Amino acid sequence: MRTILATAFALIATCALSAADIHGTLIVNRKLTRRNVTLSAGIYQRGTAVPVAPDAGDDPLAFEREHVAVWLEGDGPESRTKAEMAQRERRFSPDFVVIPAGSTVSFPNTDAVFHNVFSLSKPCHFDLGNYPRGETRFVTFDHPGIVFVNCRLHPNMAAVIVVTPNRWYATGDAAGRFTIRDVPPGRYKIVAWHKTAGYYRKEITVTSDGDASVEFVIPITDSTGGHEVASR
């Protein structure tokens, strides 16, 4: 038994020592995302005015880069986590979440109006019903894929949850940089996804000699340029 445990720990240590990071850059050419405007909450406002949150940030291209998910295809180690997507000032906050399969997302309502969070997406469809401020609901996402989230009471509210097949994933920062850490040596398919631009796939080789790098040029235009676009 001790011999088996020693061998297992040795293998884990070897993999940890030989693992490398993937550093990448997302080049976004132009603004794509159209911001939604919230209409009156009507009877669900319950006599209390709820301001609409302003668009975040002054740089539209930074917004686009921060809304790109990157991950490695295929099976890998599990890394279940917990995330939050609040309803705040009649918007989802944040409106873009990336999690590995098996993770749970909470949907707290912080507004003085009712919300009804739902999704019709194939990887995970749900309807959380109407619930008021101070309450929350939870959803566990067991299957990889793209999940589009909306509110039945406020058509402007839209968000995306990207569920990855393993723990090797990242999102872009404002400058378009990302890092996927501790990837064992091997040849992988790496995917970048943007809500409108769709999927971009490349092959990348990770070695034990040093970190790998990759660059995605995402031509955000009126067409998807032949790239696959996620459907609901």
C-alpha atoms as a PDB file:
ATOM      1  CA  MET A   1       0.000   0.000   0.000  1.00  0.00           C
ATOM      2  CA  ARG A   2       2.814   2.387   0.905  1.00  0.00           C
ATOM      3  CA  THR A   3       4.513   1.592  -2.396  1.00  0.00           C
ATOM      4  CA  ILE A   4       1.342   2.421  -4.355  1.00  0.00           C
ATOM      5  CA  LEU A   5       0.878   5.707  -2.495  1.00  0.00           C
ATOM      6  CA  ALA A   6       4.506   6.638  -2.996  1.00  0.00           C
ATOM      7  CA  THR A   7       4.226   5.945  -6.726  1.00  0.00           C
ATOM      8  CA  ALA A   8       1.044   7.993  -6.986  1.00  0.00           C
ATOM      9  CA  PHE A   9       2.580  10.972  -5.202  1.00  0.00           C
ATOM     10  CA  ALA A  10       5.660  10.700  -7.406  1.00  0.00           C
ATOM     11  CA  LEU A  11       3.503  10.819 -10.534  1.00  0.00           C
ATOM     12  CA  ILE A  12       1.599  13.839  -9.232  1.00  0.00           C
ATOM     13  CA  ALA A  13       4.833  15.608  -8.387  1.00  0.00           C
ATOM     14  CA  THR A  14       6.277  14.821 -11.833  1.00  0.00           C
ATOM     15  CA  CYS A  15       3.192  16.199 -13.590  1.00  0.00           C
ATOM     16  CA  ALA A  16       3.275  19.332 -11.443  1.00  0.00           C
ATOM     17  CA  LEU A  17       6.937  19.914 -12.234  1.00  0.00           C
ATOM     18  CA  SER A  18       6.501  19.352 -15.974  1.00  0.00           C
ATOM     19  CA  ALA A  19       3.265  21.354 -16.347  1.00  0.00           C
ATOM     20  CA  ALA A  20       3.458  24.668 -18.171  1.00  0.00           C
ATOM     21  CA  ASP A  21       1.300  27.758 -18.627  1.00  0.00           C
ATOM     22  CA  ILE A  22      -0.379  28.843 -21.849  1.00  0.00           C
ATOM     23  CA  HIS A  23      -0.159  32.589 -22.376  1.00  0.00           C
ATOM     24  CA  GLY A  24      -2.386  34.148 -24.996  1.00  0.00           C
ATOM     25  CA  THR A  25      -3.528  37.343 -26.623  1.00  0.00           C
ATOM     26  CA  LEU A  26      -6.968  38.218 -27.945  1.00  0.00           C
ATOM     27  CA  ILE A  27      -6.920  40.763 -30.766  1.00  0.00           C
ATOM     28  CA  VAL A  28     -10.320  42.357 -31.232  1.00  0.00           C
ATOM     29  CA  ASN A  29     -10.666  44.596 -34.252  1.00  0.00           C
ATOM     30  CA  ARG A  30     -13.835  46.534 -33.538  1.00  0.00           C
ATOM     31  CA  LYS A  31     -16.827  46.923 -31.261  1.00  0.00           C
ATOM     32  CA  LEU A  32     -19.589  44.374 -31.650  1.00  0.00           C
ATOM     33  CA  THR A  33     -21.851  44.138 -28.626  1.00  0.00           C
ATOM     34  CA  ARG A  34     -25.043  46.172 -28.682  1.00  0.00           C
ATOM     35  CA  ARG A  35     -26.053  47.312 -25.212  1.00  0.00           C
ATOM     36  CA  ASN A  36     -29.655  46.821 -24.128  1.00  0.00           C
ATOM     37  CA  VAL A  37     -31.883  49.501 -22.605  1.00  0.00           C
ATOM     38  CA  THR A  38     -34.216  48.638 -19.755  1.00  0.00           C
ATOM     39  CA  LEU A  39     -37.877  49.556 -20.071  1.00  0.00           C
ATOM     40  CA  SER A  40     -40.059  50.431 -17.097  1.00  0.00           C
ATOM     41  CA  ALA A  41     -40.486  47.594 -14.621  1.00  0.00           C
ATOM     42  CA  GLY A  42     -44.225  48.269 -14.469  1.00  0.00           C
ATOM     43  CA  ILE A  43     -46.140  46.483 -11.736  1.00  0.00           C
ATOM     44  CA  TYR A  44     -43.021  44.627 -10.622  1.00  0.00           C
ATOM     45  CA  GLN A  45     -41.401  47.879  -9.524  1.00  0.00           C
ATOM     46  CA  ARG A  46     -43.572  47.770  -6.384  1.00  0.00           C
ATOM     47  CA  GLY A  47     -43.546  51.574  -5.976  1.00  0.00           C
ATOM     48  CA  THR A  48     -39.752  51.817  -5.739  1.00  0.00           C
ATOM     49  CA  ALA A  49     -37.702  53.256  -8.568  1.00  0.00           C
ATOM     50  CA  VAL A  50     -34.775  51.052  -9.591  1.00  0.00           C
ATOM     51  CA  PRO A  51     -32.108  52.865 -11.620  1.00  0.00           C
ATOM     52  CA  VAL A  52     -30.626  51.155 -14.631  1.00  0.00           C
ATOM     53  CA  ALA A  53     -26.939  50.414 -14.229  1.00  0.00           C
ATOM     54  CA  PRO A  54     -24.785  52.329 -16.734  1.00  0.00           C
ATOM     55  CA  ASP A  55     -22.669  50.551 -19.300  1.00  0.00           C
ATOM     56  CA  ALA A  56     -19.442  49.483 -17.659  1.00  0.00           C
ATOM     57  CA  GLY A  57     -16.165  50.993 -18.768  1.00  0.00           C
ATOM     58  CA  ASP A  58     -15.197  53.640 -21.308  1.00  0.00           C
ATOM     59  CA  ASP A  59     -13.320  51.357 -23.711  1.00  0.00           C
ATOM     60  CA  PRO A  60     -15.694  49.274 -25.877  1.00  0.00           C
ATOM     61  CA  LEU A  61     -12.861  47.047 -27.110  1.00  0.00           C
ATOM     62  CA  ALA A  62     -11.829  46.272 -23.523  1.00  0.00           C
ATOM     63  CA  PHE A  63     -15.421  45.168 -22.925  1.00  0.00           C
ATOM     64  CA  GLU A  64     -15.248  42.822 -25.914  1.00  0.00           C
ATOM     65  CA  ARG A  65     -11.916  41.310 -24.824  1.00  0.00           C
ATOM     66  CA  GLU A  66     -13.225  40.699 -21.319  1.00  0.00           C
ATOM     67  CA  HIS A  67     -16.191  38.835 -22.810  1.00  0.00           C
ATOM     68  CA  VAL A  68     -14.105  36.155 -24.530  1.00  0.00           C
ATOM     69  CA  ALA A  69     -13.785  32.721 -22.917  1.00  0.00           C
ATOM     70  CA  VAL A  70     -10.833  30.459 -23.704  1.00  0.00           C
ATOM     71  CA  TRP A  71     -10.503  26.784 -22.801  1.00  0.00           C
ATOM     72  CA  LEU A  72      -8.914  23.477 -23.787  1.00  0.00           C
ATOM     73  CA  GLU A  73     -11.145  20.843 -25.345  1.00  0.00           C
ATOM     74  CA  GLY A  74     -11.340  17.317 -23.981  1.00  0.00           C
ATOM     75  CA  ASP A  75     -11.437  15.632 -20.623  1.00  0.00           C
ATOM     76  CA  GLY A  76      -9.324  16.874 -17.789  1.00  0.00           C
ATOM     77  CA  PRO A  77      -9.207  17.220 -14.021  1.00  0.00           C
ATOM     78  CA  GLU A  78     -12.384  18.400 -12.337  1.00  0.00           C
ATOM     79  CA  SER A  79     -12.366  21.711 -10.527  1.00  0.00           C
ATOM     80  CA  ARG A  80     -15.865  22.446  -9.314  1.00  0.00           C
ATOM     81  CA  THR A  81     -16.359  25.929  -8.011  1.00  0.00           C
ATOM     82  CA  LYS A  82     -19.035  28.404  -6.959  1.00  0.00           C
ATOM     83  CA  ALA A  83     -19.871  31.618  -8.770  1.00  0.00           C
ATOM     84  CA  GLU A  84     -22.434  34.388  -8.474  1.00  0.00           C
ATOM     85  CA  MET A  85     -24.533  36.229 -11.048  1.00  0.00           C
ATOM     86  CA  ALA A  86     -26.561  38.860  -9.198  1.00  0.00           C
ATOM     87  CA  GLN A  87     -29.509  40.875 -10.432  1.00  0.00           C
ATOM     88  CA  ARG A  88     -28.480  44.440  -9.736  1.00  0.00           C
ATOM     89  CA  GLU A  89     -30.024  47.659 -11.105  1.00  0.00           C
ATOM     90  CA  ARG A  90     -31.981  45.572 -13.604  1.00  0.00           C
ATOM     91  CA  ARG A  91     -28.876  43.985 -15.067  1.00  0.00           C
ATOM     92  CA  PHE A  92     -26.996  40.761 -14.455  1.00  0.00           C
ATOM     93  CA  SER A  93     -23.789  41.430 -12.537  1.00  0.00           C
ATOM     94  CA  PRO A  94     -21.549  40.070 -13.837  1.00  0.00           C
ATOM     95  CA  ASP A  95     -23.140  39.320 -17.200  1.00  0.00           C
ATOM     96  CA  PHE A  96     -20.371  36.886 -18.225  1.00  0.00           C
ATOM     97  CA  VAL A  97     -19.259  33.924 -16.109  1.00  0.00           C
ATOM     98  CA  VAL A  98     -16.930  31.033 -16.999  1.00  0.00           C
ATOM     99  CA  ILE A  99     -16.990  27.899 -14.842  1.00  0.00           C
ATOM    100  CA  PRO A 100     -15.975  24.231 -15.166  1.00  0.00           C
ATOM    101  CA  ALA A 101     -18.678  21.576 -15.425  1.00  0.00           C
ATOM    102  CA  GLY A 102     -20.160  20.552 -12.091  1.00  0.00           C
ATOM    103  CA  SER A 103     -19.999  24.074 -10.669  1.00  0.00           C
ATOM    104  CA  THR A 104     -22.861  25.959  -9.029  1.00  0.00           C
ATOM    105  CA  VAL A 105     -23.990  29.540  -9.699  1.00  0.00           C
ATOM    106  CA  SER A 106     -26.129  31.578  -7.314  1.00  0.00           C
ATOM    107  CA  PHE A 107     -28.560  34.204  -8.628  1.00  0.00           C
ATOM    108  CA  PRO A 108     -29.272  36.660  -5.782  1.00  0.00           C
ATOM    109  CA  ASN A 109     -31.813  39.432  -6.359  1.00  0.00           C
ATOM    110  CA  THR A 110     -30.562  42.752  -4.942  1.00  0.00           C
ATOM    111  CA  ASP A 111     -33.222  44.918  -6.619  1.00  0.00           C
ATOM    112  CA  ALA A 112     -36.453  46.259  -5.134  1.00  0.00           C
ATOM    113  CA  VAL A 113     -38.313  44.532  -7.973  1.00  0.00           C
ATOM    114  CA  PHE A 114     -39.093  40.928  -8.795  1.00  0.00           C
ATOM    115  CA  HIS A 115     -36.916  38.997 -11.252  1.00  0.00           C
ATOM    116  CA  ASN A 116     -37.417  35.671 -12.985  1.00  0.00           C
ATOM    117  CA  VAL A 117     -34.150  34.135 -14.167  1.00  0.00           C
ATOM    118  CA  PHE A 118     -34.376  31.423 -16.812  1.00  0.00           C
ATOM    119  CA  SER A 119     -32.533  29.694 -19.652  1.00  0.00           C
ATOM    120  CA  LEU A 120     -33.689  27.629 -22.612  1.00  0.00           C
ATOM    121  CA  SER A 121     -30.164  26.540 -23.551  1.00  0.00           C
ATOM    122  CA  LYS A 122     -29.561  22.859 -24.269  1.00  0.00           C
ATOM    123  CA  PRO A 123     -26.652  22.315 -21.816  1.00  0.00           C
ATOM    124  CA  CYS A 124     -28.819  23.512 -18.905  1.00  0.00           C
ATOM    125  CA  HIS A 125     -32.384  24.780 -19.087  1.00  0.00           C
ATOM    126  CA  PHE A 126     -34.096  26.136 -15.977  1.00  0.00           C
ATOM    127  CA  ASP A 127     -36.717  28.608 -14.736  1.00  0.00           C
ATOM    128  CA  LEU A 128     -36.197  29.996 -11.231  1.00  0.00           C
ATOM    129  CA  GLY A 129     -39.617  31.661 -10.968  1.00  0.00           C
ATOM    130  CA  ASN A 130     -40.415  35.115  -9.599  1.00  0.00           C
ATOM    131  CA  TYR A 131     -38.545  36.073  -6.445  1.00  0.00           C
ATOM    132  CA  PRO A 132     -38.014  39.369  -4.579  1.00  0.00           C
ATOM    133  CA  ARG A 133     -35.059  41.276  -3.199  1.00  0.00           C
ATOM    134  CA  GLY A 134     -33.030  39.429  -0.614  1.00  0.00           C
ATOM    135  CA  GLU A 135     -33.719  35.981  -2.016  1.00  0.00           C
ATOM    136  CA  THR A 136     -31.492  33.849  -4.214  1.00  0.00           C
ATOM    137  CA  ARG A 137     -31.657  30.692  -6.302  1.00  0.00           C
ATOM    138  CA  PHE A 138     -28.955  28.166  -7.212  1.00  0.00           C
ATOM    139  CA  VAL A 139     -28.255  26.180 -10.377  1.00  0.00           C
ATOM    140  CA  THR A 140     -25.619  23.468 -10.879  1.00  0.00           C
ATOM    141  CA  PHE A 141     -24.236  23.177 -14.396  1.00  0.00           C
ATOM    142  CA  ASP A 142     -23.286  19.558 -15.041  1.00  0.00           C
ATOM    143  CA  HIS A 143     -22.666  19.667 -18.789  1.00  0.00           C
ATOM    144  CA  PRO A 144     -20.193  21.747 -20.833  1.00  0.00           C
ATOM    145  CA  GLY A 145     -21.623  24.291 -23.253  1.00  0.00           C
ATOM    146  CA  ILE A 146     -22.883  27.838 -23.652  1.00  0.00           C
ATOM    147  CA  VAL A 147     -25.832  28.836 -21.459  1.00  0.00           C
ATOM    148  CA  PHE A 148     -27.740  32.019 -22.305  1.00  0.00           C
ATOM    149  CA  VAL A 149     -29.502  33.561 -19.301  1.00  0.00           C
ATOM    150  CA  ASN A 150     -32.426  36.006 -19.353  1.00  0.00           C
ATOM    151  CA  CYS A 151     -35.143  37.488 -17.143  1.00  0.00           C
ATOM    152  CA  ARG A 152     -38.789  36.936 -18.093  1.00  0.00           C
ATOM    153  CA  LEU A 153     -39.807  40.243 -16.501  1.00  0.00           C
ATOM    154  CA  HIS A 154     -37.111  42.466 -18.042  1.00  0.00           C
ATOM    155  CA  PRO A 155     -36.346  41.661 -21.699  1.00  0.00           C
ATOM    156  CA  ASN A 156     -33.191  43.785 -21.689  1.00  0.00           C
ATOM    157  CA  MET A 157     -31.484  41.537 -19.147  1.00  0.00           C
ATOM    158  CA  ALA A 158     -29.121  39.067 -20.775  1.00  0.00           C
ATOM    159  CA  ALA A 159     -26.069  37.152 -19.628  1.00  0.00           C
ATOM    160  CA  VAL A 160     -23.918  34.196 -20.606  1.00  0.00           C
ATOM    161  CA  ILE A 161     -22.475  31.324 -18.587  1.00  0.00           C
ATOM    162  CA  VAL A 162     -19.730  29.358 -20.341  1.00  0.00           C
ATOM    163  CA  VAL A 163     -19.362  25.861 -18.883  1.00  0.00           C
ATOM    164  CA  THR A 164     -16.003  24.316 -19.760  1.00  0.00           C
ATOM    165  CA  PRO A 165     -15.179  20.573 -19.827  1.00  0.00           C
ATOM    166  CA  ASN A 166     -12.218  20.885 -17.440  1.00  0.00           C
ATOM    167  CA  ARG A 167     -10.285  23.287 -15.231  1.00  0.00           C
ATOM    168  CA  TRP A 168      -8.114  24.606 -18.066  1.00  0.00           C
ATOM    169  CA  TYR A 169      -9.902  27.830 -18.942  1.00  0.00           C
ATOM    170  CA  ALA A 170      -9.476  31.596 -18.775  1.00  0.00           C
ATOM    171  CA  THR A 171     -11.039  34.894 -19.805  1.00  0.00           C
ATOM    172  CA  GLY A 172      -9.406  37.850 -21.448  1.00  0.00           C
ATOM    173  CA  ASP A 173      -8.493  40.961 -19.501  1.00  0.00           C
ATOM    174  CA  ALA A 174      -9.017  44.520 -20.734  1.00  0.00           C
ATOM    175  CA  ALA A 175      -5.848  44.322 -22.841  1.00  0.00           C
ATOM    176  CA  GLY A 176      -6.769  40.927 -24.286  1.00  0.00           C
ATOM    177  CA  ARG A 177      -4.274  38.876 -22.272  1.00  0.00           C
ATOM    178  CA  PHE A 178      -5.087  35.513 -20.699  1.00  0.00           C
ATOM    179  CA  THR A 179      -3.267  32.632 -19.028  1.00  0.00           C
ATOM    180  CA  ILE A 180      -4.243  28.976 -18.621  1.00  0.00           C
ATOM    181  CA  ARG A 181      -2.092  27.533 -15.870  1.00  0.00           C
ATOM    182  CA  ASP A 182      -0.564  24.143 -15.070  1.00  0.00           C
ATOM    183  CA  VAL A 183      -1.232  22.320 -18.326  1.00  0.00           C
ATOM    184  CA  PRO A 184       0.566  18.954 -18.691  1.00  0.00           C
ATOM    185  CA  PRO A 185       2.704  18.409 -21.798  1.00  0.00           C
ATOM    186  CA  GLY A 186       0.721  17.361 -24.853  1.00  0.00           C
ATOM    187  CA  ARG A 187      -1.086  18.520 -27.953  1.00  0.00           C
ATOM    188  CA  TYR A 188      -4.409  20.261 -27.407  1.00  0.00           C
ATOM    189  CA  LYS A 189      -7.211  22.051 -29.203  1.00  0.00           C
ATOM    190  CA  ILE A 190      -7.681  25.471 -27.663  1.00  0.00           C
ATOM    191  CA  VAL A 191     -10.960  27.328 -28.163  1.00  0.00           C
ATOM    192  CA  ALA A 192     -11.827  31.014 -27.945  1.00  0.00           C
ATOM    193  CA  TRP A 193     -15.501  31.993 -27.879  1.00  0.00           C
ATOM    194  CA  HIS A 194     -17.308  35.323 -28.157  1.00  0.00           C
ATOM    195  CA  LYS A 195     -21.092  35.642 -28.020  1.00  0.00           C
ATOM    196  CA  THR A 196     -21.370  37.183 -31.488  1.00  0.00           C
ATOM    197  CA  ALA A 197     -18.097  36.240 -33.158  1.00  0.00           C
ATOM    198  CA  GLY A 198     -18.530  32.552 -32.317  1.00  0.00           C
ATOM    199  CA  TYR A 199     -15.903  29.844 -31.908  1.00  0.00           C
ATOM    200  CA  TYR A 200     -12.232  30.062 -32.912  1.00  0.00           C
ATOM    201  CA  ARG A 201     -10.136  26.900 -32.619  1.00  0.00           C
ATOM    202  CA  LYS A 202      -6.401  26.271 -32.867  1.00  0.00           C
ATOM    203  CA  GLU A 203      -3.996  23.473 -32.029  1.00  0.00           C
ATOM    204  CA  ILE A 204      -1.286  24.094 -29.491  1.00  0.00           C
ATOM    205  CA  THR A 205       1.590  21.992 -28.178  1.00  0.00           C
ATOM    206  CA  VAL A 206       2.625  22.246 -24.541  1.00  0.00           C
ATOM    207  CA  THR A 207       6.057  20.954 -23.591  1.00  0.00           C
ATOM    208  CA  SER A 208       7.945  20.633 -20.335  1.00  0.00           C
ATOM    209  CA  ASP A 209      10.628  22.986 -21.668  1.00  0.00           C
ATOM    210  CA  GLY A 210       8.679  26.192 -21.088  1.00  0.00           C
ATOM    211  CA  ASP A 211       5.397  28.035 -21.434  1.00  0.00           C
ATOM    212  CA  ALA A 212       3.375  28.013 -24.655  1.00  0.00           C
ATOM    213  CA  SER A 213       1.770  30.976 -26.379  1.00  0.00           C
ATOM    214  CA  VAL A 214      -1.147  31.519 -28.729  1.00  0.00           C
ATOM    215  CA  GLU A 215      -2.870  34.439 -30.418  1.00  0.00           C
ATOM    216  CA  PHE A 216      -6.498  34.738 -31.523  1.00  0.00           C
ATOM    217  CA  VAL A 217      -7.516  37.407 -34.014  1.00  0.00           C
ATOM    218  CA  ILE A 218     -11.253  37.870 -33.687  1.00  0.00           C
ATOM    219  CA  PRO A 219     -12.585  39.815 -36.683  1.00  0.00           C
ATOM    220  CA  ILE A 220     -15.696  41.280 -35.147  1.00  0.00           C
ATOM    221  CA  THR A 221     -17.725  42.127 -38.221  1.00  0.00           C
ATOM    222  CA  ASP A 222     -21.328  41.779 -39.331  1.00  0.00           C
ATOM    223  CA  SER A 223     -20.626  38.198 -40.374  1.00  0.00           C
ATOM    224  CA  THR A 224     -18.964  35.400 -38.470  1.00  0.00           C
ATOM    225  CA  GLY A 225     -16.421  34.769 -41.201  1.00  0.00           C
ATOM    226  CA  GLY A 226     -17.312  31.111 -41.421  1.00  0.00           C
ATOM    227  CA  HIS A 227     -16.737  30.427 -37.742  1.00  0.00           C
ATOM    228  CA  GLU A 228     -19.222  28.381 -35.777  1.00  0.00           C
ATOM    229  CA  VAL A 229     -21.664  30.388 -33.664  1.00  0.00           C
ATOM    230  CA  ALA A 230     -23.260  28.932 -30.543  1.00  0.00           C
ATOM    231  CA  SER A 231     -26.995  28.388 -30.611  1.00  0.00           C
ATOM    232  CA  ARG A 232     -29.411  28.152 -27.753  1.00  0.00           C
END
